């Protein structure tokens, strides 16, 4: 068990190190001119990577607290650690989030090819499947609550709700940005090269965000299932 936990923490640290190195490489100095634009800065990309670094650090703190609390067990007036029997539905939810990430990647590829119809389809699919994932997570909460085996005083159950809730909130925020990008994508004039270029950037950033949250969820899912 401890070996598995060590591997999980090492994976998380590796992700954090990658994000830090990305920032240290100063991506804002890289030149990447959008079609029809003289802007050589990549401020949106930099902003996203800074935000992802913050999210990664937040989840590393939560995961570390989870492992330390689990290792403490009970005593000193602390509630005994009782592992949560995670429903098998979590596997389906994980598959849904993988599909959402795949749809986002397809949308990005279509946007790069100036296939606006394909980008619209990809974004719509990603949004629908992500909503299905969030609905599935709420269903898992309902299943655990209705089982009568856990309460808010159960540390493992409280951590489960906290971790899945924080992850879900970040996805909801992503959906708001995705919705804004989708609205502009449906209204954009294909002949407006600058507007299309900006939308390509927006879709790329959305795809990166979804891939990152998929990686975070896989780490969380592994941690929850392994303990």
C-alpha atoms as a PDB file:
ATOM      1  CA  UNK A   1       0.000   0.000   0.000  1.00  0.00           C
ATOM      2  CA  UNK A   2       2.768   2.432   0.962  1.00  0.00           C
ATOM      3  CA  UNK A   3       4.572   1.665  -2.285  1.00  0.00           C
ATOM      4  CA  UNK A   4       1.432   2.503  -4.253  1.00  0.00           C
ATOM      5  CA  UNK A   5       1.005   5.747  -2.332  1.00  0.00           C
ATOM      6  CA  UNK A   6       4.632   6.655  -2.971  1.00  0.00           C
ATOM      7  CA  UNK A   7       4.171   6.082  -6.703  1.00  0.00           C
ATOM      8  CA  UNK A   8       1.064   8.239  -6.674  1.00  0.00           C
ATOM      9  CA  UNK A   9       2.806  11.084  -4.899  1.00  0.00           C
ATOM     10  CA  UNK A  10       5.795  10.784  -7.236  1.00  0.00           C
ATOM     11  CA  UNK A  11       3.453  11.086 -10.206  1.00  0.00           C
ATOM     12  CA  UNK A  12       1.863  14.189  -8.719  1.00  0.00           C
ATOM     13  CA  UNK A  13       5.242  15.765  -8.033  1.00  0.00           C
ATOM     14  CA  UNK A  14       6.285  15.009 -11.618  1.00  0.00           C
ATOM     15  CA  UNK A  15       3.221  16.860 -12.936  1.00  0.00           C
ATOM     16  CA  UNK A  16       3.987  19.805 -10.659  1.00  0.00           C
ATOM     17  CA  UNK A  17       7.624  19.852 -11.803  1.00  0.00           C
ATOM     18  CA  UNK A  18       6.531  19.868 -15.449  1.00  0.00           C
ATOM     19  CA  UNK A  19       4.308  22.882 -14.862  1.00  0.00           C
ATOM     20  CA  UNK A  20       7.055  24.752 -13.017  1.00  0.00           C
ATOM     21  CA  UNK A  21       9.576  24.028 -15.777  1.00  0.00           C
ATOM     22  CA  UNK A  22       7.084  25.248 -18.357  1.00  0.00           C
ATOM     23  CA  UNK A  23       6.904  28.582 -16.568  1.00  0.00           C
ATOM     24  CA  UNK A  24      10.676  28.801 -16.044  1.00  0.00           C
ATOM     25  CA  UNK A  25      11.155  28.372 -19.796  1.00  0.00           C
ATOM     26  CA  UNK A  26       9.292  31.693 -20.228  1.00  0.00           C
ATOM     27  CA  UNK A  27       6.810  30.624 -22.922  1.00  0.00           C
ATOM     28  CA  UNK A  28       5.771  34.263 -23.325  1.00  0.00           C
ATOM     29  CA  UNK A  29       9.043  34.856 -25.157  1.00  0.00           C
ATOM     30  CA  UNK A  30       8.182  32.261 -27.802  1.00  0.00           C
ATOM     31  CA  UNK A  31       7.027  33.596 -31.148  1.00  0.00           C
ATOM     32  CA  UNK A  32       3.831  32.173 -32.528  1.00  0.00           C
ATOM     33  CA  UNK A  33       2.023  34.605 -34.768  1.00  0.00           C
ATOM     34  CA  UNK A  34      -1.634  33.869 -35.290  1.00  0.00           C
ATOM     35  CA  UNK A  35      -2.967  33.981 -38.827  1.00  0.00           C
ATOM     36  CA  UNK A  36      -3.622  37.583 -39.773  1.00  0.00           C
ATOM     37  CA  UNK A  37      -2.200  38.898 -36.498  1.00  0.00           C
ATOM     38  CA  UNK A  38       1.087  40.618 -35.645  1.00  0.00           C
ATOM     39  CA  UNK A  39       0.777  39.687 -31.972  1.00  0.00           C
ATOM     40  CA  UNK A  40       3.864  37.662 -31.052  1.00  0.00           C
ATOM     41  CA  UNK A  41       2.900  37.273 -27.410  1.00  0.00           C
ATOM     42  CA  UNK A  42       1.219  34.226 -25.905  1.00  0.00           C
ATOM     43  CA  UNK A  43      -0.340  35.832 -22.854  1.00  0.00           C
ATOM     44  CA  UNK A  44      -3.397  33.529 -22.802  1.00  0.00           C
ATOM     45  CA  UNK A  45      -1.170  30.451 -22.825  1.00  0.00           C
ATOM     46  CA  UNK A  46       0.991  31.861 -20.047  1.00  0.00           C
ATOM     47  CA  UNK A  47      -2.079  32.712 -17.996  1.00  0.00           C
ATOM     48  CA  UNK A  48      -3.467  29.215 -18.429  1.00  0.00           C
ATOM     49  CA  UNK A  49      -0.208  27.534 -17.409  1.00  0.00           C
ATOM     50  CA  UNK A  50       0.033  29.741 -14.322  1.00  0.00           C
ATOM     51  CA  UNK A  51      -3.549  28.803 -13.446  1.00  0.00           C
ATOM     52  CA  UNK A  52      -2.862  25.109 -14.016  1.00  0.00           C
ATOM     53  CA  UNK A  53       0.169  25.377 -11.764  1.00  0.00           C
ATOM     54  CA  UNK A  54      -2.045  26.796  -9.022  1.00  0.00           C
ATOM     55  CA  UNK A  55      -4.629  24.054  -9.514  1.00  0.00           C
ATOM     56  CA  UNK A  56      -1.956  21.363  -9.471  1.00  0.00           C
ATOM     57  CA  UNK A  57      -0.511  22.743  -6.229  1.00  0.00           C
ATOM     58  CA  UNK A  58      -3.984  22.840  -4.667  1.00  0.00           C
ATOM     59  CA  UNK A  59      -4.706  19.214  -5.474  1.00  0.00           C
ATOM     60  CA  UNK A  60      -1.251  18.128  -4.302  1.00  0.00           C
ATOM     61  CA  UNK A  61      -2.014  19.727  -0.932  1.00  0.00           C
ATOM     62  CA  UNK A  62      -5.373  17.944  -0.745  1.00  0.00           C
ATOM     63  CA  UNK A  63      -3.869  14.605  -1.749  1.00  0.00           C
ATOM     64  CA  UNK A  64      -1.070  14.976   0.799  1.00  0.00           C
ATOM     65  CA  UNK A  65      -3.585  15.807   3.528  1.00  0.00           C
ATOM     66  CA  UNK A  66      -5.655  12.767   2.513  1.00  0.00           C
ATOM     67  CA  UNK A  67      -2.664  10.424   2.770  1.00  0.00           C
ATOM     68  CA  UNK A  68      -1.472  11.878   6.086  1.00  0.00           C
ATOM     69  CA  UNK A  69      -4.954  11.698   7.624  1.00  0.00           C
ATOM     70  CA  UNK A  70      -5.388   8.118   6.436  1.00  0.00           C
ATOM     71  CA  UNK A  71      -1.998   7.141   7.875  1.00  0.00           C
ATOM     72  CA  UNK A  72      -2.891   8.675  11.219  1.00  0.00           C
ATOM     73  CA  UNK A  73      -5.781   6.244  11.576  1.00  0.00           C
ATOM     74  CA  UNK A  74      -7.426   7.283  14.814  1.00  0.00           C
ATOM     75  CA  UNK A  75      -6.516   8.428  18.277  1.00  0.00           C
ATOM     76  CA  UNK A  76      -6.006  11.721  19.984  1.00  0.00           C
ATOM     77  CA  UNK A  77      -9.701  12.410  19.767  1.00  0.00           C
ATOM     78  CA  UNK A  78      -9.739  11.957  15.978  1.00  0.00           C
ATOM     79  CA  UNK A  79     -12.446   9.938  14.255  1.00  0.00           C
ATOM     80  CA  UNK A  80     -11.369   6.485  13.099  1.00  0.00           C
ATOM     81  CA  UNK A  81     -10.489   6.206   9.414  1.00  0.00           C
ATOM     82  CA  UNK A  82     -13.042   4.024   7.631  1.00  0.00           C
ATOM     83  CA  UNK A  83     -12.382   3.492   3.930  1.00  0.00           C
ATOM     84  CA  UNK A  84     -15.186   4.430   1.557  1.00  0.00           C
ATOM     85  CA  UNK A  85     -16.475   1.653  -0.673  1.00  0.00           C
ATOM     86  CA  UNK A  86     -16.470   3.611  -3.939  1.00  0.00           C
ATOM     87  CA  UNK A  87     -19.302   2.681  -6.334  1.00  0.00           C
ATOM     88  CA  UNK A  88     -18.367   1.030  -9.625  1.00  0.00           C
ATOM     89  CA  UNK A  89     -20.087   3.966 -11.331  1.00  0.00           C
ATOM     90  CA  UNK A  90     -16.832   5.887 -10.884  1.00  0.00           C
ATOM     91  CA  UNK A  91     -15.305   3.744 -13.625  1.00  0.00           C
ATOM     92  CA  UNK A  92     -18.026   4.835 -16.042  1.00  0.00           C
ATOM     93  CA  UNK A  93     -17.581   8.450 -14.981  1.00  0.00           C
ATOM     94  CA  UNK A  94     -13.863   8.183 -15.661  1.00  0.00           C
ATOM     95  CA  UNK A  95     -14.556   6.802 -19.128  1.00  0.00           C
ATOM     96  CA  UNK A  96     -16.895   9.745 -19.772  1.00  0.00           C
ATOM     97  CA  UNK A  97     -14.212  12.256 -18.850  1.00  0.00           C
ATOM     98  CA  UNK A  98     -11.756  10.484 -21.149  1.00  0.00           C
ATOM     99  CA  UNK A  99     -14.302  10.811 -23.971  1.00  0.00           C
ATOM    100  CA  UNK A 100     -14.739  14.503 -23.180  1.00  0.00           C
ATOM    101  CA  UNK A 101     -10.983  15.002 -23.434  1.00  0.00           C
ATOM    102  CA  UNK A 102     -10.917  13.121 -26.747  1.00  0.00           C
ATOM    103  CA  UNK A 103     -13.739  15.319 -28.061  1.00  0.00           C
ATOM    104  CA  UNK A 104     -11.826  18.431 -27.031  1.00  0.00           C
ATOM    105  CA  UNK A 105      -8.742  17.173 -28.861  1.00  0.00           C
ATOM    106  CA  UNK A 106     -10.788  16.547 -31.987  1.00  0.00           C
ATOM    107  CA  UNK A 107     -12.247  20.047 -31.722  1.00  0.00           C
ATOM    108  CA  UNK A 108      -8.761  21.505 -31.482  1.00  0.00           C
ATOM    109  CA  UNK A 109      -7.599  19.539 -34.512  1.00  0.00           C
ATOM    110  CA  UNK A 110     -10.609  20.691 -36.493  1.00  0.00           C
ATOM    111  CA  UNK A 111     -10.003  24.317 -35.492  1.00  0.00           C
ATOM    112  CA  UNK A 112      -6.385  24.113 -36.641  1.00  0.00           C
ATOM    113  CA  UNK A 113      -7.605  22.836 -40.024  1.00  0.00           C
ATOM    114  CA  UNK A 114     -10.105  25.720 -40.188  1.00  0.00           C
ATOM    115  CA  UNK A 115     -12.882  23.124 -40.062  1.00  0.00           C
ATOM    116  CA  UNK A 116     -15.298  25.255 -38.073  1.00  0.00           C
ATOM    117  CA  UNK A 117     -18.124  22.732 -38.346  1.00  0.00           C
ATOM    118  CA  UNK A 118     -15.903  20.010 -36.912  1.00  0.00           C
ATOM    119  CA  UNK A 119     -14.755  22.317 -34.107  1.00  0.00           C
ATOM    120  CA  UNK A 120     -18.363  23.092 -33.219  1.00  0.00           C
ATOM    121  CA  UNK A 121     -19.239  19.414 -33.121  1.00  0.00           C
ATOM    122  CA  UNK A 122     -16.223  18.627 -30.953  1.00  0.00           C
ATOM    123  CA  UNK A 123     -16.961  21.386 -28.458  1.00  0.00           C
ATOM    124  CA  UNK A 124     -20.626  20.411 -28.249  1.00  0.00           C
ATOM    125  CA  UNK A 125     -19.741  16.760 -27.677  1.00  0.00           C
ATOM    126  CA  UNK A 126     -17.175  17.658 -25.017  1.00  0.00           C
ATOM    127  CA  UNK A 127     -19.698  19.830 -23.207  1.00  0.00           C
ATOM    128  CA  UNK A 128     -22.437  17.193 -23.240  1.00  0.00           C
ATOM    129  CA  UNK A 129     -20.146  14.386 -22.090  1.00  0.00           C
ATOM    130  CA  UNK A 130     -18.676  16.589 -19.351  1.00  0.00           C
ATOM    131  CA  UNK A 131     -22.182  17.319 -18.083  1.00  0.00           C
ATOM    132  CA  UNK A 132     -22.806  13.569 -18.075  1.00  0.00           C
ATOM    133  CA  UNK A 133     -19.629  13.098 -15.999  1.00  0.00           C
ATOM    134  CA  UNK A 134     -20.755  15.718 -13.475  1.00  0.00           C
ATOM    135  CA  UNK A 135     -24.206  14.140 -13.294  1.00  0.00           C
ATOM    136  CA  UNK A 136     -22.552  10.793 -12.668  1.00  0.00           C
ATOM    137  CA  UNK A 137     -20.517  12.274  -9.835  1.00  0.00           C
ATOM    138  CA  UNK A 138     -23.670  13.643  -8.230  1.00  0.00           C
ATOM    139  CA  UNK A 139     -25.223  10.207  -8.591  1.00  0.00           C
ATOM    140  CA  UNK A 140     -22.242   8.697  -6.779  1.00  0.00           C
ATOM    141  CA  UNK A 141     -22.741  11.187  -3.950  1.00  0.00           C
ATOM    142  CA  UNK A 142     -26.409  10.187  -3.756  1.00  0.00           C
ATOM    143  CA  UNK A 143     -25.530   6.494  -3.698  1.00  0.00           C
ATOM    144  CA  UNK A 144     -23.059   6.955  -0.840  1.00  0.00           C
ATOM    145  CA  UNK A 145     -25.404   9.195   1.132  1.00  0.00           C
ATOM    146  CA  UNK A 146     -28.359   6.829   0.742  1.00  0.00           C
ATOM    147  CA  UNK A 147     -26.301   3.816   1.819  1.00  0.00           C
ATOM    148  CA  UNK A 148     -26.418   5.078   5.402  1.00  0.00           C
ATOM    149  CA  UNK A 149     -22.867   3.839   6.025  1.00  0.00           C
ATOM    150  CA  UNK A 150     -21.184   7.240   6.068  1.00  0.00           C
ATOM    151  CA  UNK A 151     -21.665  10.644   7.626  1.00  0.00           C
ATOM    152  CA  UNK A 152     -19.883  13.978   7.595  1.00  0.00           C
ATOM    153  CA  UNK A 153     -17.975  12.754  10.647  1.00  0.00           C
ATOM    154  CA  UNK A 154     -16.392   9.971   8.575  1.00  0.00           C
ATOM    155  CA  UNK A 155     -12.964  11.350   7.479  1.00  0.00           C
ATOM    156  CA  UNK A 156     -12.611   9.248   4.312  1.00  0.00           C
ATOM    157  CA  UNK A 157     -16.144  10.144   3.189  1.00  0.00           C
ATOM    158  CA  UNK A 158     -15.541  13.851   3.884  1.00  0.00           C
ATOM    159  CA  UNK A 159     -12.323  13.764   1.853  1.00  0.00           C
ATOM    160  CA  UNK A 160     -14.115  11.950  -0.971  1.00  0.00           C
ATOM    161  CA  UNK A 161     -16.764  14.666  -1.162  1.00  0.00           C
ATOM    162  CA  UNK A 162     -14.153  17.422  -0.909  1.00  0.00           C
ATOM    163  CA  UNK A 163     -11.878  16.063  -3.639  1.00  0.00           C
ATOM    164  CA  UNK A 164     -14.651  15.272  -6.106  1.00  0.00           C
ATOM    165  CA  UNK A 165     -16.421  18.576  -5.389  1.00  0.00           C
ATOM    166  CA  UNK A 166     -13.318  20.715  -5.979  1.00  0.00           C
ATOM    167  CA  UNK A 167     -12.568  18.813  -9.179  1.00  0.00           C
ATOM    168  CA  UNK A 168     -16.169  19.214 -10.322  1.00  0.00           C
ATOM    169  CA  UNK A 169     -16.139  22.946  -9.623  1.00  0.00           C
ATOM    170  CA  UNK A 170     -13.094  23.362 -11.821  1.00  0.00           C
ATOM    171  CA  UNK A 171     -14.889  21.515 -14.610  1.00  0.00           C
ATOM    172  CA  UNK A 172     -17.949  23.732 -14.191  1.00  0.00           C
ATOM    173  CA  UNK A 173     -15.716  26.777 -14.554  1.00  0.00           C
ATOM    174  CA  UNK A 174     -14.254  25.218 -17.688  1.00  0.00           C
ATOM    175  CA  UNK A 175     -17.743  24.681 -19.070  1.00  0.00           C
ATOM    176  CA  UNK A 176     -18.464  28.395 -18.679  1.00  0.00           C
ATOM    177  CA  UNK A 177     -15.376  29.234 -20.745  1.00  0.00           C
ATOM    178  CA  UNK A 178     -16.210  26.510 -23.245  1.00  0.00           C
ATOM    179  CA  UNK A 179     -19.717  27.928 -23.630  1.00  0.00           C
ATOM    180  CA  UNK A 180     -18.317  31.380 -24.359  1.00  0.00           C
ATOM    181  CA  UNK A 181     -15.931  29.962 -26.967  1.00  0.00           C
ATOM    182  CA  UNK A 182     -18.733  27.927 -28.529  1.00  0.00           C
ATOM    183  CA  UNK A 183     -20.995  30.971 -28.877  1.00  0.00           C
ATOM    184  CA  UNK A 184     -18.259  32.894 -30.664  1.00  0.00           C
ATOM    185  CA  UNK A 185     -17.472  29.877 -32.811  1.00  0.00           C
ATOM    186  CA  UNK A 186     -21.082  29.657 -33.982  1.00  0.00           C
ATOM    187  CA  UNK A 187     -21.156  33.344 -34.858  1.00  0.00           C
ATOM    188  CA  UNK A 188     -17.699  33.841 -36.342  1.00  0.00           C
ATOM    189  CA  UNK A 189     -17.282  34.909 -39.938  1.00  0.00           C
ATOM    190  CA  UNK A 190     -15.069  32.277 -41.641  1.00  0.00           C
ATOM    191  CA  UNK A 191     -13.577  35.063 -43.727  1.00  0.00           C
ATOM    192  CA  UNK A 192     -12.378  36.985 -40.666  1.00  0.00           C
ATOM    193  CA  UNK A 193      -8.893  35.526 -40.326  1.00  0.00           C
ATOM    194  CA  UNK A 194      -8.068  37.352 -37.088  1.00  0.00           C
ATOM    195  CA  UNK A 195     -11.297  36.225 -35.367  1.00  0.00           C
ATOM    196  CA  UNK A 196     -10.775  32.645 -36.520  1.00  0.00           C
ATOM    197  CA  UNK A 197      -7.204  32.750 -35.217  1.00  0.00           C
ATOM    198  CA  UNK A 198      -8.386  33.908 -31.797  1.00  0.00           C
ATOM    199  CA  UNK A 199     -10.971  31.124 -31.714  1.00  0.00           C
ATOM    200  CA  UNK A 200      -8.287  28.588 -32.568  1.00  0.00           C
ATOM    201  CA  UNK A 201      -6.387  29.814 -29.521  1.00  0.00           C
ATOM    202  CA  UNK A 202      -9.510  29.557 -27.346  1.00  0.00           C
ATOM    203  CA  UNK A 203     -10.196  25.981 -28.430  1.00  0.00           C
ATOM    204  CA  UNK A 204      -6.551  25.055 -27.846  1.00  0.00           C
ATOM    205  CA  UNK A 205      -6.652  26.462 -24.303  1.00  0.00           C
ATOM    206  CA  UNK A 206      -9.924  24.643 -23.565  1.00  0.00           C
ATOM    207  CA  UNK A 207      -8.431  21.377 -24.788  1.00  0.00           C
ATOM    208  CA  UNK A 208      -5.330  21.848 -22.622  1.00  0.00           C
ATOM    209  CA  UNK A 209      -7.521  22.571 -19.592  1.00  0.00           C
ATOM    210  CA  UNK A 210      -9.624  19.458 -20.176  1.00  0.00           C
ATOM    211  CA  UNK A 211      -6.566  17.240 -20.610  1.00  0.00           C
ATOM    212  CA  UNK A 212      -5.126  18.593 -17.377  1.00  0.00           C
ATOM    213  CA  UNK A 213      -8.326  18.009 -15.398  1.00  0.00           C
ATOM    214  CA  UNK A 214      -8.503  14.497 -16.834  1.00  0.00           C
ATOM    215  CA  UNK A 215      -4.988  13.839 -15.520  1.00  0.00           C
ATOM    216  CA  UNK A 216      -5.943  15.270 -12.122  1.00  0.00           C
ATOM    217  CA  UNK A 217      -9.046  13.076 -11.991  1.00  0.00           C
ATOM    218  CA  UNK A 218      -7.082   9.943 -12.910  1.00  0.00           C
ATOM    219  CA  UNK A 219      -4.701  10.642 -10.012  1.00  0.00           C
ATOM    220  CA  UNK A 220      -7.604  11.295  -7.641  1.00  0.00           C
ATOM    221  CA  UNK A 221      -9.481   8.231  -8.862  1.00  0.00           C
ATOM    222  CA  UNK A 222      -6.412   6.050  -8.402  1.00  0.00           C
ATOM    223  CA  UNK A 223      -5.840   7.420  -4.898  1.00  0.00           C
ATOM    224  CA  UNK A 224      -9.455   6.894  -3.858  1.00  0.00           C
ATOM    225  CA  UNK A 225      -9.629   3.375  -5.288  1.00  0.00           C
ATOM    226  CA  UNK A 226      -6.231   2.346  -3.873  1.00  0.00           C
ATOM    227  CA  UNK A 227      -7.123   3.408  -0.350  1.00  0.00           C
END
